[in-house]
């Protein structure tokens, strides 16, 4: 696997993620983690936020600024017509 570190369960069953692990996975204060129970194992996975996904996530489409502007104007026009 790579990195294995023993941690202690503290008061209210809390654990501290070691700095080396947090840095390797990009986990900061207020990061969200997905906790999964697999048999007798606990698996923690970082849940990427929208910014991280946009920068590091898999690219499934390409949108230009011009495309974004056209769509924005179309949606604004719909909103104005409904009012």
C-alpha atoms as a PDB file:
ATOM      1  CA  UNK A   1       0.000   0.000   0.000  1.00  0.00           C
ATOM      2  CA  UNK A   2       2.576   2.610   0.800  1.00  0.00           C
ATOM      3  CA  UNK A   3       2.180   4.371   4.115  1.00  0.00           C
ATOM      4  CA  UNK A   4       1.031   2.643   7.308  1.00  0.00           C
ATOM      5  CA  UNK A   5       0.811   4.574  10.584  1.00  0.00           C
ATOM      6  CA  UNK A   6      -0.755   3.517  13.874  1.00  0.00           C
ATOM      7  CA  UNK A   7      -3.114   6.099  15.392  1.00  0.00           C
ATOM      8  CA  UNK A   8      -4.895   6.215  18.736  1.00  0.00           C
ATOM      9  CA  UNK A   9      -8.645   6.585  19.180  1.00  0.00           C
ATOM     10  CA  UNK A  10      -9.262   9.494  21.514  1.00  0.00           C
ATOM     11  CA  UNK A  11     -12.150  10.882  23.511  1.00  0.00           C
ATOM     12  CA  UNK A  12     -15.495  10.595  21.714  1.00  0.00           C
ATOM     13  CA  UNK A  13     -13.849   8.027  19.383  1.00  0.00           C
ATOM     14  CA  UNK A  14     -11.918  10.680  17.437  1.00  0.00           C
ATOM     15  CA  UNK A  15      -8.731  10.014  15.508  1.00  0.00           C
ATOM     16  CA  UNK A  16      -6.112  12.443  14.265  1.00  0.00           C
ATOM     17  CA  UNK A  17      -4.953  12.047  10.688  1.00  0.00           C
ATOM     18  CA  UNK A  18      -1.145  12.212  10.696  1.00  0.00           C
ATOM     19  CA  UNK A  19       0.346  15.185   8.861  1.00  0.00           C
ATOM     20  CA  UNK A  20       2.155  13.030   6.281  1.00  0.00           C
ATOM     21  CA  UNK A  21      -1.090  11.272   5.345  1.00  0.00           C
ATOM     22  CA  UNK A  22      -3.108  14.498   5.238  1.00  0.00           C
ATOM     23  CA  UNK A  23      -0.518  16.187   3.041  1.00  0.00           C
ATOM     24  CA  UNK A  24      -0.253  13.192   0.705  1.00  0.00           C
ATOM     25  CA  UNK A  25      -4.033  13.230   0.170  1.00  0.00           C
ATOM     26  CA  UNK A  26      -4.560  16.990   0.247  1.00  0.00           C
ATOM     27  CA  UNK A  27      -6.706  16.861   3.397  1.00  0.00           C
ATOM     28  CA  UNK A  28      -7.021  20.195   5.208  1.00  0.00           C
ATOM     29  CA  UNK A  29      -9.205  21.529   7.992  1.00  0.00           C
ATOM     30  CA  UNK A  30     -12.878  21.360   6.928  1.00  0.00           C
ATOM     31  CA  UNK A  31     -12.116  18.747   4.254  1.00  0.00           C
ATOM     32  CA  UNK A  32     -14.833  16.148   3.889  1.00  0.00           C
ATOM     33  CA  UNK A  33     -14.104  12.417   4.085  1.00  0.00           C
ATOM     34  CA  UNK A  34     -16.204   9.437   3.125  1.00  0.00           C
ATOM     35  CA  UNK A  35     -16.045   6.707   5.798  1.00  0.00           C
ATOM     36  CA  UNK A  36     -16.726   3.220   4.476  1.00  0.00           C
ATOM     37  CA  UNK A  37     -16.949   0.023   6.504  1.00  0.00           C
ATOM     38  CA  UNK A  38     -15.531  -2.977   4.609  1.00  0.00           C
ATOM     39  CA  UNK A  39     -15.899  -6.080   6.723  1.00  0.00           C
ATOM     40  CA  UNK A  40     -13.638  -5.412   9.699  1.00  0.00           C
ATOM     41  CA  UNK A  41     -11.830  -2.463   8.036  1.00  0.00           C
ATOM     42  CA  UNK A  42     -12.532   1.258   7.987  1.00  0.00           C
ATOM     43  CA  UNK A  43     -11.702   3.071   4.751  1.00  0.00           C
ATOM     44  CA  UNK A  44     -11.527   6.875   4.640  1.00  0.00           C
ATOM     45  CA  UNK A  45     -11.610   8.610   1.268  1.00  0.00           C
ATOM     46  CA  UNK A  46     -11.301  12.335   0.645  1.00  0.00           C
ATOM     47  CA  UNK A  47     -14.409  13.862  -0.938  1.00  0.00           C
ATOM     48  CA  UNK A  48     -13.145  16.431  -3.442  1.00  0.00           C
ATOM     49  CA  UNK A  49     -14.797  19.850  -3.498  1.00  0.00           C
ATOM     50  CA  UNK A  50     -15.917  21.555  -6.720  1.00  0.00           C
ATOM     51  CA  UNK A  51     -12.678  23.509  -7.096  1.00  0.00           C
ATOM     52  CA  UNK A  52     -10.501  20.429  -6.686  1.00  0.00           C
ATOM     53  CA  UNK A  53     -12.647  18.522  -9.169  1.00  0.00           C
ATOM     54  CA  UNK A  54     -12.413  21.329 -11.704  1.00  0.00           C
ATOM     55  CA  UNK A  55      -8.629  21.434 -11.414  1.00  0.00           C
ATOM     56  CA  UNK A  56      -7.725  17.781 -10.921  1.00  0.00           C
ATOM     57  CA  UNK A  57     -10.839  15.868 -11.940  1.00  0.00           C
ATOM     58  CA  UNK A  58     -11.437  13.925 -15.103  1.00  0.00           C
ATOM     59  CA  UNK A  59     -12.328  16.223 -17.980  1.00  0.00           C
ATOM     60  CA  UNK A  60     -15.529  15.105 -19.706  1.00  0.00           C
ATOM     61  CA  UNK A  61     -16.305  18.209 -21.778  1.00  0.00           C
ATOM     62  CA  UNK A  62     -14.686  21.381 -22.979  1.00  0.00           C
ATOM     63  CA  UNK A  63     -16.542  24.655 -22.522  1.00  0.00           C
ATOM     64  CA  UNK A  64     -15.144  27.915 -23.819  1.00  0.00           C
ATOM     65  CA  UNK A  65     -15.789  31.274 -22.244  1.00  0.00           C
ATOM     66  CA  UNK A  66     -17.766  32.192 -25.338  1.00  0.00           C
ATOM     67  CA  UNK A  67     -20.038  29.142 -24.883  1.00  0.00           C
ATOM     68  CA  UNK A  68     -20.535  30.066 -21.249  1.00  0.00           C
ATOM     69  CA  UNK A  69     -21.418  33.669 -22.132  1.00  0.00           C
ATOM     70  CA  UNK A  70     -23.961  32.575 -24.789  1.00  0.00           C
ATOM     71  CA  UNK A  71     -25.641  30.193 -22.347  1.00  0.00           C
ATOM     72  CA  UNK A  72     -25.675  32.839 -19.633  1.00  0.00           C
ATOM     73  CA  UNK A  73     -27.334  35.379 -21.932  1.00  0.00           C
ATOM     74  CA  UNK A  74     -29.926  32.812 -23.050  1.00  0.00           C
ATOM     75  CA  UNK A  75     -30.812  31.962 -19.442  1.00  0.00           C
ATOM     76  CA  UNK A  76     -31.032  35.636 -18.490  1.00  0.00           C
ATOM     77  CA  UNK A  77     -33.338  36.269 -21.448  1.00  0.00           C
ATOM     78  CA  UNK A  78     -35.628  33.405 -20.312  1.00  0.00           C
ATOM     79  CA  UNK A  79     -35.745  34.851 -16.799  1.00  0.00           C
ATOM     80  CA  UNK A  80     -36.648  38.329 -18.074  1.00  0.00           C
ATOM     81  CA  UNK A  81     -39.381  36.943 -20.362  1.00  0.00           C
ATOM     82  CA  UNK A  82     -40.946  34.997 -17.477  1.00  0.00           C
ATOM     83  CA  UNK A  83     -41.160  38.071 -15.240  1.00  0.00           C
END
